[in-house]
């Protein structure tokens, strides 16, 4: 798993350039790798997530089942993203969401206890933890605001702009569910854009 470890460490270096190599190798020694097949579940809803998962290869989505029994996709996490319901993870409470692989996926996992231990060892990792939390908060806020201030078409265009590489990797039904639009509406929006 050398390549996967290096991929993760590079992502940390980018986020937090002050990190030392000694800190990174201490961190790397705590990582455990998990490989799952397409459709396998990394986290069940109602479970407490014992380890945070960083996607080093593949693609996952998080979703919940609504009152009518429909799956509602709330996020897609490709390589370089954390697959976690962060608020539930940091408070060690049951997750409201499930996380499922859309492709064969490799996760670099760090247990909650090891994460706390690393924060105590290293100010840089504490800073990295804060930066990750801020990034997650910004994304969640942007998602909430997209439903408040944007039309379905604007949400769709935004998704394509921000995730051009994801567009061909997620199914239309998952995309519709994520954007909060019916399939027919999405077809209409796509036809309209194609004719522009």
Protein backbone atom coordinates (compact mmCIF):
# COMPACT_ATOMS: atom_id res chain seq x y z
CA UNK A 1 0.00 0.00 0.00
CA UNK A 2 2.98 2.29 -0.49
CA UNK A 3 1.42 4.23 -3.36
CA UNK A 4 -1.84 4.72 -1.42
CA UNK A 5 0.04 5.91 1.68
CA UNK A 6 2.08 8.35 -0.42
CA UNK A 7 -1.10 9.66 -2.09
CA UNK A 8 -2.63 10.36 1.34
CA UNK A 9 0.54 11.98 2.74
CA UNK A 10 0.83 14.22 -0.34
CA UNK A 11 -2.72 15.40 0.22
CA UNK A 12 -1.78 16.27 3.83
CA UNK A 13 1.39 18.08 2.68
CA UNK A 14 -0.68 20.20 0.28
CA UNK A 15 -3.22 21.07 2.93
CA UNK A 16 -0.69 21.74 5.67
CA UNK A 17 2.82 22.50 4.30
CA UNK A 18 4.29 22.99 7.79
CA UNK A 19 3.99 19.24 8.45
CA UNK A 20 7.34 17.54 9.06
CA UNK A 21 8.37 14.20 7.54
CA UNK A 22 8.76 12.78 11.07
CA UNK A 23 5.14 13.72 11.86
CA UNK A 24 3.96 12.21 8.60
CA UNK A 25 5.73 8.90 9.13
CA UNK A 26 4.34 8.69 12.69
CA UNK A 27 0.89 9.28 11.20
CA UNK A 28 1.45 6.74 8.39
CA UNK A 29 2.36 4.06 10.95
CA UNK A 30 -1.19 4.31 12.36
CA UNK A 31 -2.99 3.83 9.05
CA UNK A 32 -4.87 0.65 8.17
CA UNK A 33 -6.08 -0.04 4.64
CA UNK A 34 -9.47 -1.42 3.66
CA UNK A 35 -10.46 -2.51 0.17
CA UNK A 36 -14.12 -2.85 -0.73
CA UNK A 37 -15.90 -3.92 -3.89
CA UNK A 38 -18.48 -1.91 -5.81
CA UNK A 39 -21.80 -1.73 -3.86
CA UNK A 40 -20.15 -2.77 -0.57
CA UNK A 41 -20.87 -0.56 2.41
CA UNK A 42 -18.10 1.23 4.31
CA UNK A 43 -20.45 2.55 7.00
CA UNK A 44 -24.03 1.50 7.83
CA UNK A 45 -26.46 4.15 9.00
CA UNK A 46 -27.01 3.83 12.75
CA UNK A 47 -23.42 2.66 13.26
CA UNK A 48 -20.75 4.57 15.14
CA UNK A 49 -17.85 5.13 12.77
CA UNK A 50 -14.78 3.84 14.58
CA UNK A 51 -12.30 5.00 11.93
CA UNK A 52 -12.25 7.86 9.48
CA UNK A 53 -11.68 6.72 5.88
CA UNK A 54 -9.64 8.63 3.33
CA UNK A 55 -10.37 7.47 -0.23
CA UNK A 56 -7.06 6.67 -1.96
CA UNK A 57 -8.71 4.93 -4.93
CA UNK A 58 -12.32 4.69 -6.09
CA UNK A 59 -15.56 6.54 -5.40
CA UNK A 60 -18.19 6.37 -2.66
CA UNK A 61 -21.48 8.08 -1.92
CA UNK A 62 -23.24 8.84 1.34
CA UNK A 63 -27.01 8.50 1.53
CA UNK A 64 -29.97 8.00 3.84
CA UNK A 65 -33.38 6.39 3.42
CA UNK A 66 -36.26 8.87 3.69
CA UNK A 67 -39.71 8.23 5.26
CA UNK A 68 -41.03 6.87 1.96
CA UNK A 69 -38.19 4.36 1.72
CA UNK A 70 -36.31 6.24 -1.02
CA UNK A 71 -32.55 6.55 -1.01
CA UNK A 72 -31.38 10.16 -0.86
CA UNK A 73 -27.78 10.73 -1.91
CA UNK A 74 -26.12 13.55 0.04
CA UNK A 75 -22.53 13.38 -1.17
CA UNK A 76 -19.97 11.83 -3.50
CA UNK A 77 -16.40 11.28 -2.33
CA UNK A 78 -13.72 10.41 -4.91
CA UNK A 79 -9.97 9.88 -4.46
CA UNK A 80 -8.53 12.51 -2.15
CA UNK A 81 -11.67 12.94 -0.06
CA UNK A 82 -12.67 11.72 3.39
CA UNK A 83 -15.58 9.28 3.45
CA UNK A 84 -17.18 10.11 6.75
CA UNK A 85 -20.15 11.70 8.42
CA UNK A 86 -17.81 14.07 10.23
CA UNK A 87 -20.05 15.44 13.02
CA UNK A 88 -21.05 11.91 14.02
CA UNK A 89 -17.44 10.71 13.80
CA UNK A 90 -15.94 13.44 16.00
CA UNK A 91 -18.70 13.03 18.60
CA UNK A 92 -18.64 9.22 18.19
CA UNK A 93 -22.42 9.11 17.77
CA UNK A 94 -24.35 6.83 15.38
CA UNK A 95 -24.23 8.09 11.79
CA UNK A 96 -27.50 9.10 10.12
CA UNK A 97 -25.97 8.18 6.77
CA UNK A 98 -24.64 5.08 5.07
CA UNK A 99 -21.51 5.20 2.92
CA UNK A 100 -21.46 2.88 -0.10
CA UNK A 101 -18.82 2.20 -2.77
CA UNK A 102 -19.80 3.13 -6.33
CA UNK A 103 -16.54 1.62 -7.61
CA UNK A 104 -13.98 -0.77 -6.09
CA UNK A 105 -12.50 1.49 -3.41
CA UNK A 106 -9.43 1.59 -1.16
CA UNK A 107 -9.61 3.51 2.11
CA UNK A 108 -6.73 4.62 4.34
CA UNK A 109 -8.34 4.37 7.79
CA UNK A 110 -7.38 6.06 11.02
CA UNK A 111 -9.17 5.10 14.23
CA UNK A 112 -10.80 7.76 16.37
CA UNK A 113 -8.39 6.94 19.23
CA UNK A 114 -5.32 7.21 17.01
CA UNK A 115 -6.58 10.51 15.62
CA UNK A 116 -6.90 11.92 19.15
CA UNK A 117 -3.46 10.58 20.03
CA UNK A 118 -1.88 12.20 16.95
CA UNK A 119 -3.51 15.54 17.77
CA UNK A 120 -1.84 15.40 21.20
CA UNK A 121 1.57 14.56 19.67
CA UNK A 122 1.58 17.23 17.01
CA UNK A 123 0.39 20.82 16.74
CA UNK A 124 0.64 20.50 12.97
CA UNK A 125 -1.84 17.63 12.97
CA UNK A 126 -4.16 19.59 15.21
CA UNK A 127 -3.96 22.38 12.65
CA UNK A 128 -4.57 19.89 9.81
CA UNK A 129 -7.62 18.54 11.67
CA UNK A 130 -8.97 22.07 11.99
CA UNK A 131 -8.38 22.78 8.28
CA UNK A 132 -10.19 19.58 7.27
CA UNK A 133 -13.11 20.43 9.58
CA UNK A 134 -13.29 23.94 8.07
CA UNK A 135 -13.29 22.50 4.54
CA UNK A 136 -16.12 20.09 5.43
CA UNK A 137 -18.10 22.93 7.01
CA UNK A 138 -17.66 25.13 3.91
CA UNK A 139 -18.88 22.31 1.65
CA UNK A 140 -21.90 21.59 3.84
CA UNK A 141 -22.80 25.29 3.93
CA UNK A 142 -22.46 25.54 0.14
CA UNK A 143 -24.72 22.51 -0.27
CA UNK A 144 -27.41 23.95 2.03
CA UNK A 145 -27.24 27.31 0.25
CA UNK A 146 -27.48 25.65 -3.17
CA UNK A 147 -30.96 24.41 -2.19
CA UNK A 148 -31.95 27.79 -0.77
CA UNK A 149 -30.63 30.11 -3.50
CA UNK A 150 -30.23 28.07 -6.70
CA UNK A 151 -32.59 26.55 -9.24
CA UNK A 152 -32.26 22.86 -10.13
CA UNK A 153 -30.54 23.87 -13.36
CA UNK A 154 -27.99 26.03 -11.52
CA UNK A 155 -27.26 23.17 -9.10
CA UNK A 156 -26.69 20.84 -12.04
CA UNK A 157 -24.38 23.29 -13.85
CA UNK A 158 -22.48 23.90 -10.63
CA UNK A 159 -21.99 20.18 -10.12
CA UNK A 160 -20.55 19.77 -13.63
CA UNK A 161 -18.27 22.76 -13.14
CA UNK A 162 -16.99 21.66 -9.73
CA UNK A 163 -16.79 17.90 -10.43
CA UNK A 164 -16.13 17.47 -14.15
CA UNK A 165 -14.36 14.13 -13.60
CA UNK A 166 -17.19 12.75 -11.44
CA UNK A 167 -19.92 13.39 -13.92
CA UNK A 168 -19.34 10.20 -15.94
CA UNK A 169 -18.70 8.08 -12.84
CA UNK A 170 -22.04 8.53 -11.06
CA UNK A 171 -25.38 7.12 -12.22
CA UNK A 172 -28.16 9.47 -13.30
CA UNK A 173 -30.43 8.24 -10.51
CA UNK A 174 -27.78 9.00 -7.85
CA UNK A 175 -27.13 12.39 -9.44
CA UNK A 176 -30.86 13.26 -9.51
CA UNK A 177 -31.20 12.26 -5.89
CA UNK A 178 -28.13 14.35 -4.94
CA UNK A 179 -29.37 17.42 -6.84
CA UNK A 180 -32.92 16.99 -5.56
CA UNK A 181 -34.51 16.79 -9.02
CA UNK A 182 -36.72 14.32 -10.84
CA UNK A 183 -35.17 12.36 -13.66
CA UNK A 184 -37.48 13.93 -16.28
CA UNK A 185 -36.48 17.42 -15.11
CA UNK A 186 -32.80 16.52 -15.40
CA UNK A 187 -33.36 15.21 -18.94
CA UNK A 188 -35.09 18.49 -19.85
CA UNK A 189 -32.28 20.56 -18.31
CA UNK A 190 -29.64 18.56 -20.19
CA UNK A 191 -31.49 18.91 -23.52
CA UNK A 192 -31.85 22.64 -22.98
CA UNK A 193 -28.13 23.02 -22.24
CA UNK A 194 -27.17 20.86 -25.25
CA UNK A 195 -29.07 23.24 -27.56
CA UNK A 196 -27.33 26.36 -26.24
